[in-house]
Amino acid sequence: MSDMWKSVSAPMHRAGVPFVVGGVVATFLAAFAWAPLAAVLALVTAWMIYFFRDPDRVVPTRSGLVVSPADGMVQLIVQAVPPPELEMGDRPLTRISVFLNVFNVHVNRVPVGGRVVRARYRPGLFLNAALDKASDDNERMSVRVATEDGREIAFVQIAGLVARRILYDIKDGDEVRTGQRYGLIRFGSRCDIYLPDGVAPLVCVGQTTIGGETVIADLASGEARREGETR
């Protein structure tokens, strides 16, 4: 119950304020016209407050740890070429895809600290984010970060079927810290992370991640890729 209350009562991201205010006004006006409509609008407004929640997270701080950029489920772990706008070449890298449903926290976090080499927005389609081709065709915001030891990681916000707006606060040359907030996607979406050569994912397909907390890779480890099964 304590964890549930912390989740529900978390502060709201500023991007949600217009939606919540609009919902409150619409609910108030509907109460004078038709009570059932007011009840529905009240539920939608309550969901908006829940959707835009922005809880604090306990971020692992050891150098080399890569954390999930989002709450959600590990949907895919494949070899794929990073987005061309990041100029990382055409060599496939290990890509971990985290799918966010409409009930997940949608505030995104930087997976590893370092310097932003390139940050590029690209308009595109709004296919179902669960599809593999969404990484290539959908609207996205791609970021390439160089760590202190010179290795590079890419992470990408991808709009989905319902998501129609990617928000971000990151640009070329920024110095970023592991787990810091940098953006948000409305409403339901996906985040991709591209790992450097020789770095194995420490999560499995189907696992649930917590943005800023779940360790998905370790740049300092030689551990082989982890496998898992449902039990």
C-alpha atoms as a PDB file:
ATOM      1  CA  MET A   1       0.000   0.000   0.000  1.00  0.00           C
ATOM      2  CA  SER A   2       2.864   2.361   0.783  1.00  0.00           C
ATOM      3  CA  ASP A   3       4.470   1.862  -2.656  1.00  0.00           C
ATOM      4  CA  MET A   4       1.104   2.300  -4.377  1.00  0.00           C
ATOM      5  CA  TRP A   5       0.448   5.545  -2.509  1.00  0.00           C
ATOM      6  CA  LYS A   6       3.912   6.866  -3.402  1.00  0.00           C
ATOM      7  CA  SER A   7       3.199   6.176  -7.073  1.00  0.00           C
ATOM      8  CA  VAL A   8      -0.225   7.810  -7.067  1.00  0.00           C
ATOM      9  CA  SER A   9       0.850  10.824  -5.002  1.00  0.00           C
ATOM     10  CA  ALA A  10       4.047  11.580  -6.967  1.00  0.00           C
ATOM     11  CA  PRO A  11       4.513  15.180  -8.206  1.00  0.00           C
ATOM     12  CA  MET A  12       3.135  15.936 -11.664  1.00  0.00           C
ATOM     13  CA  HIS A  13       5.317  16.870 -14.626  1.00  0.00           C
ATOM     14  CA  ARG A  14       4.705  20.441 -15.785  1.00  0.00           C
ATOM     15  CA  ALA A  15       3.680  19.171 -19.237  1.00  0.00           C
ATOM     16  CA  GLY A  16       0.545  17.753 -17.676  1.00  0.00           C
ATOM     17  CA  VAL A  17      -0.713  21.027 -16.199  1.00  0.00           C
ATOM     18  CA  PRO A  18      -2.655  22.227 -19.291  1.00  0.00           C
ATOM     19  CA  PHE A  19      -4.367  18.843 -19.646  1.00  0.00           C
ATOM     20  CA  VAL A  20      -5.353  18.639 -15.992  1.00  0.00           C
ATOM     21  CA  VAL A  21      -6.566  22.246 -15.852  1.00  0.00           C
ATOM     22  CA  GLY A  22      -8.571  21.691 -19.025  1.00  0.00           C
ATOM     23  CA  GLY A  23     -10.064  18.521 -17.564  1.00  0.00           C
ATOM     24  CA  VAL A  24     -11.056  20.245 -14.338  1.00  0.00           C
ATOM     25  CA  VAL A  25     -12.751  23.096 -16.226  1.00  0.00           C
ATOM     26  CA  ALA A  26     -14.553  20.686 -18.570  1.00  0.00           C
ATOM     27  CA  THR A  27     -15.724  18.577 -15.628  1.00  0.00           C
ATOM     28  CA  PHE A  28     -17.010  21.650 -13.796  1.00  0.00           C
ATOM     29  CA  LEU A  29     -18.964  22.869 -16.825  1.00  0.00           C
ATOM     30  CA  ALA A  30     -20.352  19.408 -17.577  1.00  0.00           C
ATOM     31  CA  ALA A  31     -21.667  19.117 -14.020  1.00  0.00           C
ATOM     32  CA  PHE A  32     -24.249  21.787 -14.885  1.00  0.00           C
ATOM     33  CA  ALA A  33     -25.277  20.078 -18.108  1.00  0.00           C
ATOM     34  CA  TRP A  34     -25.215  16.289 -17.607  1.00  0.00           C
ATOM     35  CA  ALA A  35     -23.920  14.507 -14.518  1.00  0.00           C
ATOM     36  CA  PRO A  36     -22.862  11.253 -16.292  1.00  0.00           C
ATOM     37  CA  LEU A  37     -20.610  13.241 -18.640  1.00  0.00           C
ATOM     38  CA  ALA A  38     -19.103  15.081 -15.684  1.00  0.00           C
ATOM     39  CA  ALA A  39     -18.317  11.733 -14.031  1.00  0.00           C
ATOM     40  CA  VAL A  40     -16.535  10.484 -17.171  1.00  0.00           C
ATOM     41  CA  LEU A  41     -14.536  13.705 -17.493  1.00  0.00           C
ATOM     42  CA  ALA A  42     -13.572  13.504 -13.818  1.00  0.00           C
ATOM     43  CA  LEU A  43     -12.196   9.997 -14.385  1.00  0.00           C
ATOM     44  CA  VAL A  44     -10.253  11.157 -17.451  1.00  0.00           C
ATOM     45  CA  THR A  45      -8.823  14.091 -15.482  1.00  0.00           C
ATOM     46  CA  ALA A  46      -7.778  11.763 -12.662  1.00  0.00           C
ATOM     47  CA  TRP A  47      -6.045   9.537 -15.200  1.00  0.00           C
ATOM     48  CA  MET A  48      -4.216  12.576 -16.623  1.00  0.00           C
ATOM     49  CA  ILE A  49      -2.874  13.364 -13.156  1.00  0.00           C
ATOM     50  CA  TYR A  50      -1.722   9.756 -12.859  1.00  0.00           C
ATOM     51  CA  PHE A  51      -0.213   9.674 -16.362  1.00  0.00           C
ATOM     52  CA  PHE A  52       1.914  12.787 -15.870  1.00  0.00           C
ATOM     53  CA  ARG A  53       3.294  11.736 -12.481  1.00  0.00           C
ATOM     54  CA  ASP A  54       7.015  12.331 -12.079  1.00  0.00           C
ATOM     55  CA  PRO A  55       8.375  10.362  -9.104  1.00  0.00           C
ATOM     56  CA  ASP A  56      11.926  10.600  -7.803  1.00  0.00           C
ATOM     57  CA  ARG A  57      14.097   7.553  -8.394  1.00  0.00           C
ATOM     58  CA  VAL A  58      17.104   6.051  -6.609  1.00  0.00           C
ATOM     59  CA  VAL A  59      19.736   6.048  -9.376  1.00  0.00           C
ATOM     60  CA  PRO A  60      22.752   3.673  -9.196  1.00  0.00           C
ATOM     61  CA  THR A  61      25.810   5.909  -9.282  1.00  0.00           C
ATOM     62  CA  ARG A  62      28.723   3.539  -9.937  1.00  0.00           C
ATOM     63  CA  SER A  63      30.610   4.495 -13.080  1.00  0.00           C
ATOM     64  CA  GLY A  64      29.811   2.297 -16.074  1.00  0.00           C
ATOM     65  CA  LEU A  65      26.269   1.322 -15.147  1.00  0.00           C
ATOM     66  CA  VAL A  66      23.614   1.893 -17.810  1.00  0.00           C
ATOM     67  CA  VAL A  67      20.067   2.353 -16.501  1.00  0.00           C
ATOM     68  CA  SER A  68      16.752   2.075 -18.280  1.00  0.00           C
ATOM     69  CA  PRO A  69      15.590   5.379 -19.790  1.00  0.00           C
ATOM     70  CA  ALA A  70      11.958   4.531 -19.107  1.00  0.00           C
ATOM     71  CA  ASP A  71       9.447   2.550 -17.113  1.00  0.00           C
ATOM     72  CA  GLY A  72       8.007  -0.280 -19.173  1.00  0.00           C
ATOM     73  CA  MET A  73       8.670  -3.758 -20.511  1.00  0.00           C
ATOM     74  CA  VAL A  74      11.717  -4.995 -22.429  1.00  0.00           C
ATOM     75  CA  GLN A  75      10.076  -5.850 -25.716  1.00  0.00           C
ATOM     76  CA  LEU A  76      13.004  -6.541 -28.031  1.00  0.00           C
ATOM     77  CA  ILE A  77      16.745  -7.193 -27.824  1.00  0.00           C
ATOM     78  CA  VAL A  78      18.145  -7.283 -31.353  1.00  0.00           C
ATOM     79  CA  GLN A  79      21.068  -6.217 -33.511  1.00  0.00           C
ATOM     80  CA  ALA A  80      20.206  -2.992 -35.337  1.00  0.00           C
ATOM     81  CA  VAL A  81      21.867   0.038 -36.934  1.00  0.00           C
ATOM     82  CA  PRO A  82      21.466   3.259 -34.901  1.00  0.00           C
ATOM     83  CA  PRO A  83      19.410   6.107 -36.430  1.00  0.00           C
ATOM     84  CA  PRO A  84      21.320   7.673 -39.343  1.00  0.00           C
ATOM     85  CA  GLU A  85      20.944  11.196 -37.947  1.00  0.00           C
ATOM     86  CA  LEU A  86      23.306  10.216 -35.102  1.00  0.00           C
ATOM     87  CA  GLU A  87      26.117   9.484 -37.589  1.00  0.00           C
ATOM     88  CA  MET A  88      27.297   6.334 -35.786  1.00  0.00           C
ATOM     89  CA  GLY A  89      27.911   4.342 -38.964  1.00  0.00           C
ATOM     90  CA  ASP A  90      26.048   1.387 -40.431  1.00  0.00           C
ATOM     91  CA  ARG A  91      27.382  -1.333 -38.117  1.00  0.00           C
ATOM     92  CA  PRO A  92      24.599  -3.072 -36.161  1.00  0.00           C
ATOM     93  CA  LEU A  93      24.722  -2.681 -32.376  1.00  0.00           C
ATOM     94  CA  THR A  94      22.756  -4.365 -29.620  1.00  0.00           C
ATOM     95  CA  ARG A  95      19.451  -2.536 -29.276  1.00  0.00           C
ATOM     96  CA  ILE A  96      17.226  -2.861 -26.211  1.00  0.00           C
ATOM     97  CA  SER A  97      13.657  -1.659 -26.779  1.00  0.00           C
ATOM     98  CA  VAL A  98      11.487  -0.705 -23.795  1.00  0.00           C
ATOM     99  CA  PHE A  99       7.766  -0.374 -24.497  1.00  0.00           C
ATOM    100  CA  LEU A 100       5.708   2.028 -22.382  1.00  0.00           C
ATOM    101  CA  ASN A 101       1.970   1.507 -22.011  1.00  0.00           C
ATOM    102  CA  VAL A 102      -0.439   4.295 -21.051  1.00  0.00           C
ATOM    103  CA  PHE A 103      -0.179   3.417 -17.347  1.00  0.00           C
ATOM    104  CA  ASN A 104       3.610   3.697 -17.095  1.00  0.00           C
ATOM    105  CA  VAL A 105       5.502   6.780 -15.928  1.00  0.00           C
ATOM    106  CA  HIS A 106       6.407   8.566 -19.173  1.00  0.00           C
ATOM    107  CA  VAL A 107       9.202  10.827 -17.940  1.00  0.00           C
ATOM    108  CA  ASN A 108      12.416   9.708 -19.652  1.00  0.00           C
ATOM    109  CA  ARG A 109      15.860   9.574 -18.049  1.00  0.00           C
ATOM    110  CA  VAL A 110      19.427   9.607 -19.378  1.00  0.00           C
ATOM    111  CA  PRO A 111      20.748   6.002 -19.294  1.00  0.00           C
ATOM    112  CA  VAL A 112      24.424   6.891 -18.760  1.00  0.00           C
ATOM    113  CA  GLY A 113      26.401   9.998 -17.884  1.00  0.00           C
ATOM    114  CA  GLY A 114      28.685  11.791 -20.323  1.00  0.00           C
ATOM    115  CA  ARG A 115      28.678  14.462 -23.022  1.00  0.00           C
ATOM    116  CA  VAL A 116      25.940  14.779 -25.652  1.00  0.00           C
ATOM    117  CA  VAL A 117      27.631  14.435 -29.048  1.00  0.00           C
ATOM    118  CA  ARG A 118      24.456  14.710 -31.130  1.00  0.00           C
ATOM    119  CA  ALA A 119      20.790  15.260 -30.304  1.00  0.00           C
ATOM    120  CA  ARG A 120      18.454  15.204 -33.288  1.00  0.00           C
ATOM    121  CA  TYR A 121      14.673  15.278 -33.692  1.00  0.00           C
ATOM    122  CA  ARG A 122      13.129  13.595 -36.744  1.00  0.00           C
ATOM    123  CA  PRO A 123       9.432  13.765 -37.706  1.00  0.00           C
ATOM    124  CA  GLY A 124       7.798  10.577 -38.892  1.00  0.00           C
ATOM    125  CA  LEU A 125       4.821   8.236 -38.696  1.00  0.00           C
ATOM    126  CA  PHE A 126       2.798   7.134 -35.679  1.00  0.00           C
ATOM    127  CA  LEU A 127       2.782   3.363 -36.080  1.00  0.00           C
ATOM    128  CA  ASN A 128       2.167   1.069 -33.135  1.00  0.00           C
ATOM    129  CA  ALA A 129       5.327   1.423 -31.004  1.00  0.00           C
ATOM    130  CA  ALA A 130       5.246  -2.343 -30.400  1.00  0.00           C
ATOM    131  CA  LEU A 131       6.219  -2.937 -34.034  1.00  0.00           C
ATOM    132  CA  ASP A 132       9.914  -3.370 -34.830  1.00  0.00           C
ATOM    133  CA  LYS A 133       9.715  -0.993 -37.798  1.00  0.00           C
ATOM    134  CA  ALA A 134       8.589   1.813 -35.486  1.00  0.00           C
ATOM    135  CA  SER A 135      12.291   2.354 -34.736  1.00  0.00           C
ATOM    136  CA  ASP A 136      12.836   3.327 -38.383  1.00  0.00           C
ATOM    137  CA  ASP A 137       9.569   4.977 -39.425  1.00  0.00           C
ATOM    138  CA  ASN A 138       8.082   6.756 -36.405  1.00  0.00           C
ATOM    139  CA  GLU A 139       8.650  10.263 -35.092  1.00  0.00           C
ATOM    140  CA  ARG A 140      11.685  10.184 -32.814  1.00  0.00           C
ATOM    141  CA  MET A 141      14.251  12.108 -30.807  1.00  0.00           C
ATOM    142  CA  SER A 142      17.701  10.497 -30.939  1.00  0.00           C
ATOM    143  CA  VAL A 143      20.632  11.209 -28.626  1.00  0.00           C
ATOM    144  CA  ARG A 144      24.277  10.093 -28.816  1.00  0.00           C
ATOM    145  CA  VAL A 145      26.336  10.330 -25.627  1.00  0.00           C
ATOM    146  CA  ALA A 146      30.080   9.825 -25.144  1.00  0.00           C
ATOM    147  CA  THR A 147      31.101   8.526 -21.719  1.00  0.00           C
ATOM    148  CA  GLU A 148      34.242   9.518 -19.811  1.00  0.00           C
ATOM    149  CA  ASP A 149      36.156   6.549 -21.227  1.00  0.00           C
ATOM    150  CA  GLY A 150      35.244   7.477 -24.811  1.00  0.00           C
ATOM    151  CA  ARG A 151      32.580   4.876 -25.495  1.00  0.00           C
ATOM    152  CA  GLU A 152      29.288   5.911 -27.033  1.00  0.00           C
ATOM    153  CA  ILE A 153      25.685   5.003 -26.314  1.00  0.00           C
ATOM    154  CA  ALA A 154      22.600   6.053 -28.241  1.00  0.00           C
ATOM    155  CA  PHE A 155      19.076   6.333 -26.868  1.00  0.00           C
ATOM    156  CA  VAL A 156      15.919   7.204 -28.731  1.00  0.00           C
ATOM    157  CA  GLN A 157      12.431   8.410 -27.784  1.00  0.00           C
ATOM    158  CA  ILE A 158       9.907   6.976 -30.246  1.00  0.00           C
ATOM    159  CA  ALA A 159       6.320   8.175 -30.631  1.00  0.00           C
ATOM    160  CA  GLY A 160       3.630   5.503 -30.859  1.00  0.00           C
ATOM    161  CA  LEU A 161       0.116   4.964 -32.134  1.00  0.00           C
ATOM    162  CA  VAL A 162      -1.393   7.210 -29.454  1.00  0.00           C
ATOM    163  CA  ALA A 163       1.686   9.289 -28.634  1.00  0.00           C
ATOM    164  CA  ARG A 164       1.655  12.479 -30.672  1.00  0.00           C
ATOM    165  CA  ARG A 165       4.218  14.623 -28.939  1.00  0.00           C
ATOM    166  CA  ILE A 166       7.819  14.081 -27.915  1.00  0.00           C
ATOM    167  CA  LEU A 167       9.144  16.546 -25.344  1.00  0.00           C
ATOM    168  CA  TYR A 168      12.871  16.862 -24.686  1.00  0.00           C
ATOM    169  CA  ASP A 169      15.333  19.160 -22.975  1.00  0.00           C
ATOM    170  CA  ILE A 170      18.717  18.084 -24.268  1.00  0.00           C
ATOM    171  CA  LYS A 171      21.111  19.427 -26.910  1.00  0.00           C
ATOM    172  CA  ASP A 172      24.581  19.037 -28.393  1.00  0.00           C
ATOM    173  CA  GLY A 173      27.370  19.662 -25.900  1.00  0.00           C
ATOM    174  CA  ASP A 174      25.301  19.113 -22.751  1.00  0.00           C
ATOM    175  CA  GLU A 175      26.993  17.319 -19.871  1.00  0.00           C
ATOM    176  CA  VAL A 176      24.473  14.801 -18.531  1.00  0.00           C
ATOM    177  CA  ARG A 177      24.310  12.543 -15.490  1.00  0.00           C
ATOM    178  CA  THR A 178      23.025   8.999 -15.281  1.00  0.00           C
ATOM    179  CA  GLY A 179      19.335   8.980 -14.437  1.00  0.00           C
ATOM    180  CA  GLN A 180      18.662  12.679 -14.911  1.00  0.00           C
ATOM    181  CA  ARG A 181      15.321  13.633 -16.452  1.00  0.00           C
ATOM    182  CA  TYR A 182      15.514  14.814 -20.042  1.00  0.00           C
ATOM    183  CA  GLY A 183      12.108  14.388 -21.679  1.00  0.00           C
ATOM    184  CA  LEU A 184       8.659  12.879 -21.881  1.00  0.00           C
ATOM    185  CA  ILE A 185       6.460  11.214 -24.504  1.00  0.00           C
ATOM    186  CA  ARG A 186       2.659  11.528 -24.663  1.00  0.00           C
ATOM    187  CA  PHE A 187       0.783   8.908 -24.485  1.00  0.00           C
ATOM    188  CA  GLY A 188       2.195   5.389 -24.863  1.00  0.00           C
ATOM    189  CA  SER A 189       5.504   4.975 -26.650  1.00  0.00           C
ATOM    190  CA  ARG A 190       8.916   3.296 -26.773  1.00  0.00           C
ATOM    191  CA  CYS A 191      12.556   3.943 -25.898  1.00  0.00           C
ATOM    192  CA  ASP A 192      15.489   2.277 -27.667  1.00  0.00           C
ATOM    193  CA  ILE A 193      19.020   2.009 -26.258  1.00  0.00           C
ATOM    194  CA  TYR A 194      22.022   1.066 -28.431  1.00  0.00           C
ATOM    195  CA  LEU A 195      24.930  -0.458 -26.498  1.00  0.00           C
ATOM    196  CA  PRO A 196      28.622  -0.267 -27.489  1.00  0.00           C
ATOM    197  CA  ASP A 197      30.331  -3.284 -29.039  1.00  0.00           C
ATOM    198  CA  GLY A 198      31.150  -5.986 -26.502  1.00  0.00           C
ATOM    199  CA  VAL A 199      28.597  -4.849 -23.911  1.00  0.00           C
ATOM    200  CA  ALA A 200      25.895  -7.420 -23.174  1.00  0.00           C
ATOM    201  CA  PRO A 201      22.384  -6.579 -21.928  1.00  0.00           C
ATOM    202  CA  LEU A 202      21.680  -7.514 -18.316  1.00  0.00           C
ATOM    203  CA  VAL A 203      17.926  -7.672 -18.869  1.00  0.00           C
ATOM    204  CA  CYS A 204      15.761 -10.173 -20.738  1.00  0.00           C
ATOM    205  CA  VAL A 205      12.793  -9.801 -23.068  1.00  0.00           C
ATOM    206  CA  GLY A 206       9.623  -9.566 -21.008  1.00  0.00           C
ATOM    207  CA  GLN A 207      11.231  -8.025 -17.925  1.00  0.00           C
ATOM    208  CA  THR A 208       9.774  -4.884 -16.364  1.00  0.00           C
ATOM    209  CA  THR A 209      12.073  -1.878 -16.027  1.00  0.00           C
ATOM    210  CA  ILE A 210      12.006   1.191 -13.806  1.00  0.00           C
ATOM    211  CA  GLY A 211      13.354   4.322 -15.455  1.00  0.00           C
ATOM    212  CA  GLY A 212      16.521   5.593 -13.800  1.00  0.00           C
ATOM    213  CA  GLU A 213      16.793   2.554 -11.494  1.00  0.00           C
ATOM    214  CA  THR A 214      16.900  -0.725 -13.435  1.00  0.00           C
ATOM    215  CA  VAL A 215      20.451  -1.544 -14.582  1.00  0.00           C
ATOM    216  CA  ILE A 216      20.235  -2.775 -18.178  1.00  0.00           C
ATOM    217  CA  ALA A 217      23.993  -3.018 -18.905  1.00  0.00           C
ATOM    218  CA  ASP A 218      27.404  -2.586 -17.296  1.00  0.00           C
ATOM    219  CA  LEU A 219      30.179  -1.060 -19.399  1.00  0.00           C
ATOM    220  CA  ALA A 220      32.777  -2.337 -16.921  1.00  0.00           C
ATOM    221  CA  SER A 221      31.595  -5.960 -16.948  1.00  0.00           C
ATOM    222  CA  GLY A 222      32.476  -8.838 -19.205  1.00  0.00           C
ATOM    223  CA  GLU A 223      29.374 -10.778 -18.203  1.00  0.00           C
ATOM    224  CA  ALA A 224      27.614 -12.606 -21.023  1.00  0.00           C
ATOM    225  CA  ARG A 225      24.094 -11.732 -22.072  1.00  0.00           C
ATOM    226  CA  ARG A 226      21.545 -12.848 -19.500  1.00  0.00           C
ATOM    227  CA  GLU A 227      18.762 -15.222 -20.404  1.00  0.00           C
ATOM    228  CA  GLY A 228      15.457 -15.611 -18.573  1.00  0.00           C
ATOM    229  CA  GLU A 229      12.234 -17.569 -18.504  1.00  0.00           C
ATOM    230  CA  THR A 230       8.731 -17.036 -17.180  1.00  0.00           C
ATOM    231  CA  ARG A 231       8.017 -18.940 -13.967  1.00  0.00           C
END
